[in-house]
């Protein structure tokens, strides 16, 4: 999404950009200890090699309504 949405589709209040985080960086026997930005990939995309990372992940932009709290997420088309 090229610019920030202006209004919530539910209550018409202002949307503000937020950061969604995923705690997935971890060592052996530890759950996520670090934070990484949220990304998406298509269902058909395959993982690569030993690190099991998706080859073509793209960032996600997230917004929260200042009125009702609804969270909207938009993928960056690739």
PDB file of N, CA and C in Angstrom:
ATOM      1  N   UNK A   1       0.849  -1.170   0.000  1.00  0.00           N
ATOM      2  CA  UNK A   1       0.000   0.000   0.000  1.00  0.00           C
ATOM      3  C   UNK A   1       0.892   1.230   0.000  1.00  0.00           C
ATOM      4  N   UNK A   2       0.658   2.110  -0.929  1.00  0.00           N
ATOM      5  CA  UNK A   2       1.566   3.229  -1.113  1.00  0.00           C
ATOM      6  C   UNK A   2       1.397   4.332  -0.077  1.00  0.00           C
ATOM      7  N   UNK A   3       0.198   4.548   0.408  1.00  0.00           N
ATOM      8  CA  UNK A   3      -0.010   5.576   1.420  1.00  0.00           C
ATOM      9  C   UNK A   3      -0.911   5.031   2.525  1.00  0.00           C
ATOM     10  N   UNK A   4      -0.831   5.676   3.672  1.00  0.00           N
ATOM     11  CA  UNK A   4      -1.601   5.232   4.829  1.00  0.00           C
ATOM     12  C   UNK A   4      -3.097   5.406   4.587  1.00  0.00           C
ATOM     13  N   UNK A   5      -3.893   4.391   4.953  1.00  0.00           N
ATOM     14  CA  UNK A   5      -5.343   4.569   4.856  1.00  0.00           C
ATOM     15  C   UNK A   5      -5.779   5.706   5.788  1.00  0.00           C
ATOM     16  N   UNK A   6      -6.846   6.378   5.430  1.00  0.00           N
ATOM     17  CA  UNK A   6      -7.293   7.524   6.222  1.00  0.00           C
ATOM     18  C   UNK A   6      -8.306   7.159   7.299  1.00  0.00           C
ATOM     19  N   UNK A   7      -9.263   6.263   6.970  1.00  0.00           N
ATOM     20  CA  UNK A   7     -10.344   5.982   7.912  1.00  0.00           C
ATOM     21  C   UNK A   7     -10.607   4.493   8.054  1.00  0.00           C
ATOM     22  N   UNK A   8     -11.057   4.103   9.233  1.00  0.00           N
ATOM     23  CA  UNK A   8     -11.444   2.728   9.513  1.00  0.00           C
ATOM     24  C   UNK A   8     -12.706   2.390   8.711  1.00  0.00           C
ATOM     25  N   UNK A   9     -12.749   1.213   8.070  1.00  0.00           N
ATOM     26  CA  UNK A   9     -13.959   0.841   7.334  1.00  0.00           C
ATOM     27  C   UNK A   9     -15.139   0.513   8.250  1.00  0.00           C
ATOM     28  N   UNK A  10     -14.887   0.278   9.545  1.00  0.00           N
ATOM     29  CA  UNK A  10     -15.964  -0.048  10.488  1.00  0.00           C
ATOM     30  C   UNK A  10     -16.577   1.177  11.151  1.00  0.00           C
ATOM     31  N   UNK A  11     -15.723   2.054  11.694  1.00  0.00           N
ATOM     32  CA  UNK A  11     -16.245   3.166  12.493  1.00  0.00           C
ATOM     33  C   UNK A  11     -15.843   4.547  11.979  1.00  0.00           C
ATOM     34  N   UNK A  12     -15.057   4.602  10.909  1.00  0.00           N
ATOM     35  CA  UNK A  12     -14.614   5.845  10.265  1.00  0.00           C
ATOM     36  C   UNK A  12     -13.623   6.669  11.079  1.00  0.00           C
ATOM     37  N   UNK A  13     -13.103   6.124  12.174  1.00  0.00           N
ATOM     38  CA  UNK A  13     -12.066   6.831  12.944  1.00  0.00           C
ATOM     39  C   UNK A  13     -10.736   6.753  12.180  1.00  0.00           C
ATOM     40  N   UNK A  14      -9.765   7.513  12.627  1.00  0.00           N
ATOM     41  CA  UNK A  14      -8.451   7.565  11.987  1.00  0.00           C
ATOM     42  C   UNK A  14      -7.682   6.262  12.191  1.00  0.00           C
ATOM     43  N   UNK A  15      -6.955   5.849  11.151  1.00  0.00           N
ATOM     44  CA  UNK A  15      -6.053   4.698  11.250  1.00  0.00           C
ATOM     45  C   UNK A  15      -4.637   5.214  11.433  1.00  0.00           C
ATOM     46  N   UNK A  16      -3.870   4.558  12.299  1.00  0.00           N
ATOM     47  CA  UNK A  16      -2.471   4.923  12.443  1.00  0.00           C
ATOM     48  C   UNK A  16      -1.623   3.684  12.203  1.00  0.00           C
ATOM     49  N   UNK A  17      -0.459   3.887  11.588  1.00  0.00           N
ATOM     50  CA  UNK A  17       0.416   2.765  11.275  1.00  0.00           C
ATOM     51  C   UNK A  17       1.009   2.206  12.562  1.00  0.00           C
ATOM     52  N   UNK A  18       1.044   0.890  12.648  1.00  0.00           N
ATOM     53  CA  UNK A  18       1.634   0.197  13.797  1.00  0.00           C
ATOM     54  C   UNK A  18       2.651  -0.804  13.282  1.00  0.00           C
ATOM     55  N   UNK A  19       3.444  -1.358  14.172  1.00  0.00           N
ATOM     56  CA  UNK A  19       4.428  -2.380  13.827  1.00  0.00           C
ATOM     57  C   UNK A  19       3.998  -3.703  14.438  1.00  0.00           C
ATOM     58  N   UNK A  20       3.762  -4.704  13.595  1.00  0.00           N
ATOM     59  CA  UNK A  20       3.475  -6.056  14.062  1.00  0.00           C
ATOM     60  C   UNK A  20       4.819  -6.761  14.165  1.00  0.00           C
ATOM     61  N   UNK A  21       5.050  -7.462  15.260  1.00  0.00           N
ATOM     62  CA  UNK A  21       6.325  -8.146  15.429  1.00  0.00           C
ATOM     63  C   UNK A  21       6.094  -9.630  15.657  1.00  0.00           C
ATOM     64  N   UNK A  22       7.066 -10.393  15.272  1.00  0.00           N
ATOM     65  CA  UNK A  22       7.004 -11.834  15.402  1.00  0.00           C
ATOM     66  C   UNK A  22       8.254 -12.284  16.162  1.00  0.00           C
ATOM     67  N   UNK A  23       8.068 -12.924  17.293  1.00  0.00           N
ATOM     68  CA  UNK A  23       9.196 -13.373  18.105  1.00  0.00           C
ATOM     69  C   UNK A  23       9.582 -14.782  17.693  1.00  0.00           C
ATOM     70  N   UNK A  24      10.319 -14.910  16.599  1.00  0.00           N
ATOM     71  CA  UNK A  24      10.653 -16.235  16.082  1.00  0.00           C
ATOM     72  C   UNK A  24      12.133 -16.539  16.046  1.00  0.00           C
ATOM     73  N   UNK A  25      12.968 -15.572  16.325  1.00  0.00           N
ATOM     74  CA  UNK A  25      14.402 -15.847  16.326  1.00  0.00           C
ATOM     75  C   UNK A  25      14.736 -16.485  17.668  1.00  0.00           C
ATOM     76  N   UNK A  26      15.241 -17.679  17.637  1.00  0.00           N
ATOM     77  CA  UNK A  26      15.536 -18.366  18.893  1.00  0.00           C
ATOM     78  C   UNK A  26      16.608 -19.422  18.717  1.00  0.00           C
ATOM     79  N   UNK A  27      17.123 -19.900  19.810  1.00  0.00           N
ATOM     80  CA  UNK A  27      18.112 -20.960  19.783  1.00  0.00           C
ATOM     81  C   UNK A  27      17.451 -22.291  20.080  1.00  0.00           C
ATOM     82  N   UNK A  28      18.255 -23.289  20.279  1.00  0.00           N
ATOM     83  CA  UNK A  28      17.753 -24.625  20.578  1.00  0.00           C
ATOM     84  C   UNK A  28      16.999 -24.604  21.901  1.00  0.00           C
ATOM     85  N   UNK A  29      15.821 -25.182  21.957  1.00  0.00           N
ATOM     86  CA  UNK A  29      14.981 -25.293  23.151  1.00  0.00           C
ATOM     87  C   UNK A  29      14.498 -23.947  23.696  1.00  0.00           C
ATOM     88  N   UNK A  30      14.589 -22.901  22.894  1.00  0.00           N
ATOM     89  CA  UNK A  30      14.090 -21.607  23.347  1.00  0.00           C
ATOM     90  C   UNK A  30      13.048 -21.126  22.360  1.00  0.00           C
ATOM     91  N   UNK A  31      11.982 -20.582  22.876  1.00  0.00           N
ATOM     92  CA  UNK A  31      11.007 -19.956  21.997  1.00  0.00           C
ATOM     93  C   UNK A  31      11.568 -18.599  21.594  1.00  0.00           C
ATOM     94  N   UNK A  32      10.954 -17.981  20.627  1.00  0.00           N
ATOM     95  CA  UNK A  32      11.489 -16.742  20.077  1.00  0.00           C
ATOM     96  C   UNK A  32      12.063 -15.794  21.109  1.00  0.00           C
ATOM     97  N   UNK A  33      13.299 -15.389  20.906  1.00  0.00           N
ATOM     98  CA  UNK A  33      13.945 -14.466  21.831  1.00  0.00           C
ATOM     99  C   UNK A  33      14.214 -13.114  21.180  1.00  0.00           C
ATOM    100  N   UNK A  34      14.011 -13.028  19.884  1.00  0.00           N
ATOM    101  CA  UNK A  34      14.228 -11.770  19.186  1.00  0.00           C
ATOM    102  C   UNK A  34      12.999 -11.417  18.377  1.00  0.00           C
ATOM    103  N   UNK A  35      12.914 -10.202  17.962  1.00  0.00           N
ATOM    104  CA  UNK A  35      11.757  -9.758  17.175  1.00  0.00           C
ATOM    105  C   UNK A  35      12.175  -9.499  15.736  1.00  0.00           C
ATOM    106  N   UNK A  36      11.317  -9.901  14.824  1.00  0.00           N
ATOM    107  CA  UNK A  36      11.549  -9.656  13.404  1.00  0.00           C
ATOM    108  C   UNK A  36      10.296  -9.034  12.809  1.00  0.00           C
ATOM    109  N   UNK A  37      10.437  -8.199  11.775  1.00  0.00           N
ATOM    110  CA  UNK A  37       9.264  -7.610  11.133  1.00  0.00           C
ATOM    111  C   UNK A  37       8.396  -8.688  10.493  1.00  0.00           C
ATOM    112  N   UNK A  38       7.113  -8.465  10.447  1.00  0.00           N
ATOM    113  CA  UNK A  38       6.177  -9.405   9.866  1.00  0.00           C
ATOM    114  C   UNK A  38       6.261  -9.367   8.340  1.00  0.00           C
ATOM    115  N   UNK A  39       6.307 -10.550   7.719  1.00  0.00           N
ATOM    116  CA  UNK A  39       6.345 -10.696   6.266  1.00  0.00           C
ATOM    117  C   UNK A  39       5.302 -11.712   5.840  1.00  0.00           C
ATOM    118  N   UNK A  40       5.016 -11.762   4.564  1.00  0.00           N
ATOM    119  CA  UNK A  40       4.103 -12.768   4.037  1.00  0.00           C
ATOM    120  C   UNK A  40       4.737 -13.429   2.822  1.00  0.00           C
ATOM    121  N   UNK A  41       4.220 -14.580   2.463  1.00  0.00           N
ATOM    122  CA  UNK A  41       4.598 -15.257   1.235  1.00  0.00           C
ATOM    123  C   UNK A  41       3.384 -15.989   0.698  1.00  0.00           C
ATOM    124  N   UNK A  42       3.384 -16.278  -0.568  1.00  0.00           N
ATOM    125  CA  UNK A  42       2.274 -17.008  -1.168  1.00  0.00           C
ATOM    126  C   UNK A  42       2.335 -18.479  -0.785  1.00  0.00           C
ATOM    127  N   UNK A  43       1.192 -19.133  -0.744  1.00  0.00           N
ATOM    128  CA  UNK A  43       1.115 -20.542  -0.350  1.00  0.00           C
ATOM    129  C   UNK A  43       1.977 -21.436  -1.241  1.00  0.00           C
ATOM    130  N   UNK A  44       2.130 -21.087  -2.499  1.00  0.00           N
ATOM    131  CA  UNK A  44       2.884 -21.917  -3.427  1.00  0.00           C
ATOM    132  C   UNK A  44       4.399 -21.732  -3.304  1.00  0.00           C
ATOM    133  N   UNK A  45       4.850 -20.672  -2.610  1.00  0.00           N
ATOM    134  CA  UNK A  45       6.284 -20.423  -2.483  1.00  0.00           C
ATOM    135  C   UNK A  45       6.951 -21.506  -1.642  1.00  0.00           C
ATOM    136  N   UNK A  46       8.190 -21.808  -1.992  1.00  0.00           N
ATOM    137  CA  UNK A  46       8.901 -22.877  -1.297  1.00  0.00           C
ATOM    138  C   UNK A  46       9.967 -22.309  -0.373  1.00  0.00           C
ATOM    139  N   UNK A  47      10.310 -23.104   0.627  1.00  0.00           N
ATOM    140  CA  UNK A  47      11.374 -22.728   1.546  1.00  0.00           C
ATOM    141  C   UNK A  47      12.718 -23.081   0.925  1.00  0.00           C
ATOM    142  N   UNK A  48      13.753 -22.408   1.396  1.00  0.00           N
ATOM    143  CA  UNK A  48      15.088 -22.651   0.873  1.00  0.00           C
ATOM    144  C   UNK A  48      15.976 -23.318   1.912  1.00  0.00           C
ATOM    145  N   UNK A  49      16.741 -24.265   1.497  1.00  0.00           N
ATOM    146  CA  UNK A  49      17.838 -24.876   2.235  1.00  0.00           C
ATOM    147  C   UNK A  49      17.669 -25.117   3.724  1.00  0.00           C
ATOM    148  N   UNK A  50      18.796 -25.117   4.402  1.00  0.00           N
ATOM    149  CA  UNK A  50      18.859 -25.476   5.818  1.00  0.00           C
ATOM    150  C   UNK A  50      18.173 -24.467   6.726  1.00  0.00           C
ATOM    151  N   UNK A  51      18.192 -23.195   6.350  1.00  0.00           N
ATOM    152  CA  UNK A  51      17.631 -22.159   7.219  1.00  0.00           C
ATOM    153  C   UNK A  51      16.108 -22.149   7.171  1.00  0.00           C
ATOM    154  N   UNK A  52      15.508 -22.867   6.223  1.00  0.00           N
ATOM    155  CA  UNK A  52      14.053 -22.955   6.107  1.00  0.00           C
ATOM    156  C   UNK A  52      13.414 -21.574   6.045  1.00  0.00           C
ATOM    157  N   UNK A  53      13.973 -20.724   5.230  1.00  0.00           N
ATOM    158  CA  UNK A  53      13.391 -19.399   5.024  1.00  0.00           C
ATOM    159  C   UNK A  53      12.730 -19.365   3.662  1.00  0.00           C
ATOM    160  N   UNK A  54      11.665 -18.613   3.561  1.00  0.00           N
ATOM    161  CA  UNK A  54      10.990 -18.486   2.276  1.00  0.00           C
ATOM    162  C   UNK A  54      11.810 -17.608   1.350  1.00  0.00           C
ATOM    163  N   UNK A  55      11.871 -18.008   0.092  1.00  0.00           N
ATOM    164  CA  UNK A  55      12.690 -17.298  -0.885  1.00  0.00           C
ATOM    165  C   UNK A  55      12.154 -15.919  -1.236  1.00  0.00           C
ATOM    166  N   UNK A  56      10.846 -15.756  -1.274  1.00  0.00           N
ATOM    167  CA  UNK A  56      10.275 -14.511  -1.751  1.00  0.00           C
ATOM    168  C   UNK A  56       9.293 -13.899  -0.750  1.00  0.00           C
ATOM    169  N   UNK A  57       9.726 -13.668   0.463  1.00  0.00           N
ATOM    170  CA  UNK A  57       8.865 -13.049   1.470  1.00  0.00           C
ATOM    171  C   UNK A  57       8.816 -11.543   1.234  1.00  0.00           C
ATOM    172  N   UNK A  58       7.660 -10.949   1.476  1.00  0.00           N
ATOM    173  CA  UNK A  58       7.486  -9.507   1.287  1.00  0.00           C
ATOM    174  C   UNK A  58       6.933  -8.892   2.574  1.00  0.00           C
ATOM    175  N   UNK A  59       7.245  -7.623   2.831  1.00  0.00           N
ATOM    176  CA  UNK A  59       6.803  -6.987   4.076  1.00  0.00           C
ATOM    177  C   UNK A  59       5.299  -6.751   4.143  1.00  0.00           C
ATOM    178  N   UNK A  60       4.806  -6.636   5.361  1.00  0.00           N
ATOM    179  CA  UNK A  60       3.401  -6.362   5.634  1.00  0.00           C
ATOM    180  C   UNK A  60       3.324  -5.024   6.356  1.00  0.00           C
ATOM    181  N   UNK A  61       2.405  -4.159   5.916  1.00  0.00           N
ATOM    182  CA  UNK A  61       2.159  -2.895   6.605  1.00  0.00           C
ATOM    183  C   UNK A  61       0.884  -3.046   7.419  1.00  0.00           C
ATOM    184  N   UNK A  62       0.927  -2.593   8.668  1.00  0.00           N
ATOM    185  CA  UNK A  62      -0.210  -2.759   9.570  1.00  0.00           C
ATOM    186  C   UNK A  62      -0.684  -1.410  10.098  1.00  0.00           C
ATOM    187  N   UNK A  63      -2.003  -1.325  10.300  1.00  0.00           N
ATOM    188  CA  UNK A  63      -2.629  -0.103  10.789  1.00  0.00           C
ATOM    189  C   UNK A  63      -3.656  -0.462  11.851  1.00  0.00           C
ATOM    190  N   UNK A  64      -3.793   0.397  12.870  1.00  0.00           N
ATOM    191  CA  UNK A  64      -4.797   0.184  13.907  1.00  0.00           C
ATOM    192  C   UNK A  64      -5.721   1.392  13.973  1.00  0.00           C
ATOM    193  N   UNK A  65      -7.011   1.107  14.121  1.00  0.00           N
ATOM    194  CA  UNK A  65      -8.009   2.153  14.261  1.00  0.00           C
ATOM    195  C   UNK A  65      -7.896   2.780  15.650  1.00  0.00           C
ATOM    196  N   UNK A  66      -7.883   4.100  15.691  1.00  0.00           N
ATOM    197  CA  UNK A  66      -7.789   4.800  16.972  1.00  0.00           C
ATOM    198  C   UNK A  66      -9.118   4.801  17.716  1.00  0.00           C
ATOM    199  N   UNK A  67     -10.206   4.398  17.033  1.00  0.00           N
ATOM    200  CA  UNK A  67     -11.525   4.364  17.661  1.00  0.00           C
ATOM    201  C   UNK A  67     -11.893   2.987  18.189  1.00  0.00           C
ATOM    202  N   UNK A  68     -11.973   2.004  17.282  1.00  0.00           N
ATOM    203  CA  UNK A  68     -12.470   0.681  17.678  1.00  0.00           C
ATOM    204  C   UNK A  68     -11.380  -0.371  17.868  1.00  0.00           C
ATOM    205  N   UNK A  69     -10.139  -0.059  17.486  1.00  0.00           N
ATOM    206  CA  UNK A  69      -9.039  -0.996  17.703  1.00  0.00           C
ATOM    207  C   UNK A  69      -8.855  -2.030  16.594  1.00  0.00           C
ATOM    208  N   UNK A  70      -9.633  -1.957  15.540  1.00  0.00           N
ATOM    209  CA  UNK A  70      -9.479  -2.914  14.440  1.00  0.00           C
ATOM    210  C   UNK A  70      -8.083  -2.775  13.852  1.00  0.00           C
ATOM    211  N   UNK A  71      -7.459  -3.920  13.533  1.00  0.00           N
ATOM    212  CA  UNK A  71      -6.150  -3.930  12.901  1.00  0.00           C
ATOM    213  C   UNK A  71      -6.322  -4.375  11.456  1.00  0.00           C
ATOM    214  N   UNK A  72      -5.741  -3.588  10.560  1.00  0.00           N
ATOM    215  CA  UNK A  72      -5.765  -3.887   9.130  1.00  0.00           C
ATOM    216  C   UNK A  72      -4.336  -4.126   8.671  1.00  0.00           C
ATOM    217  N   UNK A  73      -4.132  -5.176   7.884  1.00  0.00           N
ATOM    218  CA  UNK A  73      -2.803  -5.480   7.366  1.00  0.00           C
ATOM    219  C   UNK A  73      -2.840  -5.502   5.842  1.00  0.00           C
ATOM    220  N   UNK A  74      -1.804  -4.935   5.235  1.00  0.00           N
ATOM    221  CA  UNK A  74      -1.700  -4.867   3.788  1.00  0.00           C
ATOM    222  C   UNK A  74      -0.353  -5.432   3.366  1.00  0.00           C
ATOM    223  N   UNK A  75      -0.376  -6.363   2.405  1.00  0.00           N
ATOM    224  CA  UNK A  75       0.847  -6.900   1.856  1.00  0.00           C
ATOM    225  C   UNK A  75       1.364  -6.001   0.750  1.00  0.00           C
ATOM    226  N   UNK A  76       2.669  -5.978   0.584  1.00  0.00           N
ATOM    227  CA  UNK A  76       3.278  -5.237  -0.496  1.00  0.00           C
ATOM    228  C   UNK A  76       3.296  -6.139  -1.730  1.00  0.00           C
ATOM    229  N   UNK A  77       2.568  -5.796  -2.793  1.00  0.00           N
ATOM    230  CA  UNK A  77       2.571  -6.651  -3.975  1.00  0.00           C
ATOM    231  C   UNK A  77       3.983  -6.807  -4.530  1.00  0.00           C
ATOM    232  N   UNK A  78       4.268  -8.005  -5.000  1.00  0.00           N
ATOM    233  CA  UNK A  78       5.602  -8.206  -5.579  1.00  0.00           C
ATOM    234  C   UNK A  78       5.503  -8.654  -6.999  1.00  0.00           C
TER     235      UNK A  78
END
